[in-house]
C-alpha atoms as a PDB file:
ATOM      1  CA  UNK A   1    -101.575-105.977  58.930  1.00  0.00           C
ATOM      2  CA  UNK A   2    -103.389-102.378  59.077  1.00  0.00           C
ATOM      3  CA  UNK A   3    -105.118-103.257  62.294  1.00  0.00           C
ATOM      4  CA  UNK A   4    -101.518-103.862  63.891  1.00  0.00           C
ATOM      5  CA  UNK A   5    -100.171-101.012  62.112  1.00  0.00           C
ATOM      6  CA  UNK A   6    -102.693 -98.669  63.416  1.00  0.00           C
ATOM      7  CA  UNK A   7    -102.493 -99.850  67.126  1.00  0.00           C
ATOM      8  CA  UNK A   8     -98.753 -99.257  66.729  1.00  0.00           C
ATOM      9  CA  UNK A   9    -100.069 -95.347  65.957  1.00  0.00           C
ATOM     10  CA  UNK A  10    -102.605 -95.402  68.945  1.00  0.00           C
ATOM     11  CA  UNK A  11     -99.963 -96.917  71.114  1.00  0.00           C
ATOM     12  CA  UNK A  12     -97.551 -94.179  70.418  1.00  0.00           C
ATOM     13  CA  UNK A  13     -99.588 -91.286  70.418  1.00  0.00           C
ATOM     14  CA  UNK A  14    -100.681 -92.254  73.919  1.00  0.00           C
ATOM     15  CA  UNK A  15     -97.232 -92.646  74.777  1.00  0.00           C
ATOM     16  CA  UNK A  16     -96.309 -89.234  73.639  1.00  0.00           C
ATOM     17  CA  UNK A  17    -100.151 -88.255  75.200  1.00  0.00           C
ATOM     18  CA  UNK A  18     -99.408 -89.660  78.578  1.00  0.00           C
ATOM     19  CA  UNK A  19     -95.715 -89.542  79.354  1.00  0.00           C
ATOM     20  CA  UNK A  20     -93.673 -87.198  76.855  1.00  0.00           C
ATOM     21  CA  UNK A  21     -95.204 -84.095  76.338  1.00  0.00           C
ATOM     22  CA  UNK A  22     -99.729 -84.992  76.904  1.00  0.00           C
ATOM     23  CA  UNK A  23    -100.425 -83.673  73.687  1.00  0.00           C
ATOM     24  CA  UNK A  24    -103.528 -85.555  72.446  1.00  0.00           C
ATOM     25  CA  UNK A  25    -102.611 -85.130  68.500  1.00  0.00           C
ATOM     26  CA  UNK A  26    -101.229 -88.908  68.131  1.00  0.00           C
ATOM     27  CA  UNK A  27    -104.512 -90.288  70.052  1.00  0.00           C
ATOM     28  CA  UNK A  28    -107.201 -87.888  67.922  1.00  0.00           C
ATOM     29  CA  UNK A  29    -105.689 -88.894  64.674  1.00  0.00           C
ATOM     30  CA  UNK A  30    -105.020 -92.446  65.684  1.00  0.00           C
ATOM     31  CA  UNK A  31    -107.724 -92.949  67.288  1.00  0.00           C
ATOM     32  CA  UNK A  32    -110.371 -93.077  64.916  1.00  0.00           C
ATOM     33  CA  UNK A  33    -108.255 -94.874  62.183  1.00  0.00           C
ATOM     34  CA  UNK A  34    -107.577 -97.865  64.886  1.00  0.00           C
ATOM     35  CA  UNK A  35    -111.318 -97.925  65.743  1.00  0.00           C
ATOM     36  CA  UNK A  36    -112.741 -97.799  61.777  1.00  0.00           C
ATOM     37  CA  UNK A  37    -109.953-100.567  61.289  1.00  0.00           C
ATOM     38  CA  UNK A  38    -110.419-102.952  64.460  1.00  0.00           C
ATOM     39  CA  UNK A  39    -114.225-102.920  63.525  1.00  0.00           C
ATOM     40  CA  UNK A  40    -113.349-103.781  59.542  1.00  0.00           C
ATOM     41  CA  UNK A  41    -111.532-106.432  60.891  1.00  0.00           C
ATOM     42  CA  UNK A  42    -114.163-107.729  63.205  1.00  0.00           C
ATOM     43  CA  UNK A  43    -116.677-107.999  60.575  1.00  0.00           C
ATOM     44  CA  UNK A  44    -114.482-109.890  58.228  1.00  0.00           C
ATOM     45  CA  UNK A  45    -113.593-112.025  60.770  1.00  0.00           C
ATOM     46  CA  UNK A  46    -117.395-112.631  61.267  1.00  0.00           C
ATOM     47  CA  UNK A  47    -117.933-112.995  57.546  1.00  0.00           C
ATOM     48  CA  UNK A  48    -115.708-115.670  57.264  1.00  0.00           C
ATOM     49  CA  UNK A  49    -117.496-117.625  60.380  1.00  0.00           C
ATOM     50  CA  UNK A  50    -119.116-119.960  57.476  1.00  0.00           C
ATOM     51  CA  UNK A  51    -116.068-121.290  56.286  1.00  0.00           C
ATOM     52  CA  UNK A  52    -114.149-121.606  59.506  1.00  0.00           C
ATOM     53  CA  UNK A  53    -115.104-124.209  62.914  1.00  0.00           C
ATOM     54  CA  UNK A  54    -115.462-122.594  66.039  1.00  0.00           C
ATOM     55  CA  UNK A  55    -112.184-122.553  67.562  1.00  0.00           C
ATOM     56  CA  UNK A  56    -110.684-120.520  64.429  1.00  0.00           C
ATOM     57  CA  UNK A  57    -113.371-117.764  64.645  1.00  0.00           C
ATOM     58  CA  UNK A  58    -113.160-117.334  68.485  1.00  0.00           C
ATOM     59  CA  UNK A  59    -109.418-117.385  68.054  1.00  0.00           C
ATOM     60  CA  UNK A  60    -109.601-114.381  65.298  1.00  0.00           C
ATOM     61  CA  UNK A  61    -111.650-112.276  67.172  1.00  0.00           C
ATOM     62  CA  UNK A  62    -109.693-113.125  70.241  1.00  0.00           C
ATOM     63  CA  UNK A  63    -106.665-112.090  67.979  1.00  0.00           C
ATOM     64  CA  UNK A  64    -108.255-108.357  67.955  1.00  0.00           C
ATOM     65  CA  UNK A  65    -108.018-107.630  71.564  1.00  0.00           C
ATOM     66  CA  UNK A  66    -103.780-107.925  72.395  1.00  0.00           C
ATOM     67  CA  UNK A  67    -101.843-105.395  70.250  1.00  0.00           C
ATOM     68  CA  UNK A  68    -100.414-107.058  67.066  1.00  0.00           C
ATOM     69  CA  UNK A  69    -102.452-110.315  67.913  1.00  0.00           C
ATOM     70  CA  UNK A  70    -104.165-110.432  64.451  1.00  0.00           C
ATOM     71  CA  UNK A  71    -100.658-110.457  63.259  1.00  0.00           C
ATOM     72  CA  UNK A  72     -99.864-113.986  64.938  1.00  0.00           C
ATOM     73  CA  UNK A  73    -103.500-114.795  64.117  1.00  0.00           C
ATOM     74  CA  UNK A  74    -103.142-114.479  60.561  1.00  0.00           C
ATOM     75  CA  UNK A  75     -99.853-115.586  60.189  1.00  0.00           C
ATOM     76  CA  UNK A  76    -100.649-118.952  61.845  1.00  0.00           C
ATOM     77  CA  UNK A  77    -104.539-119.142  59.581  1.00  0.00           C
ATOM     78  CA  UNK A  78    -102.073-118.614  56.371  1.00  0.00           C
ATOM     79  CA  UNK A  79     -99.801-121.468  57.723  1.00  0.00           C
ATOM     80  CA  UNK A  80    -102.716-124.078  58.502  1.00  0.00           C
ATOM     81  CA  UNK A  81    -104.274-122.822  55.179  1.00  0.00           C
ATOM     82  CA  UNK A  82    -107.702-121.164  56.628  1.00  0.00           C
ATOM     83  CA  UNK A  83    -107.063-118.427  54.502  1.00  0.00           C
ATOM     84  CA  UNK A  84    -106.376-120.268  51.371  1.00  0.00           C
ATOM     85  CA  UNK A  85    -109.815-119.640  49.966  1.00  0.00           C
ATOM     86  CA  UNK A  86    -110.000-116.310  50.245  1.00  0.00           C
ATOM     87  CA  UNK A  87    -106.278-115.547  48.745  1.00  0.00           C
ATOM     88  CA  UNK A  88    -107.303-117.421  45.898  1.00  0.00           C
ATOM     89  CA  UNK A  89    -110.870-115.282  45.479  1.00  0.00           C
ATOM     90  CA  UNK A  90    -108.817-112.087  45.670  1.00  0.00           C
ATOM     91  CA  UNK A  91    -106.462-113.298  42.847  1.00  0.00           C
ATOM     92  CA  UNK A  92    -109.322-114.193  40.734  1.00  0.00           C
ATOM     93  CA  UNK A  93    -110.871-110.744  41.219  1.00  0.00           C
ATOM     94  CA  UNK A  94    -107.802-109.336  40.507  1.00  0.00           C
ATOM     95  CA  UNK A  95    -107.244-111.146  36.872  1.00  0.00           C
END
């Protein structure tokens, strides 16, 4: 979700920069934020490669490219049980 929110912020910043007021503040803020979150998403996806088949890994990586693709991928991965073990481990760590 963080990757999608940062994408939205960057897209809004680009809209203001190039269409509305030619002000770069939105891009200067959301550009680095989105970049860091994007790299984190890709790293986490690669870290899950040992549990996923090749198709799931490729879909996870490709989902990072279009805006909000990660939301679609996450919903699909949850629905098909590909994130169950990761969620179970997160719950154990919180307890």
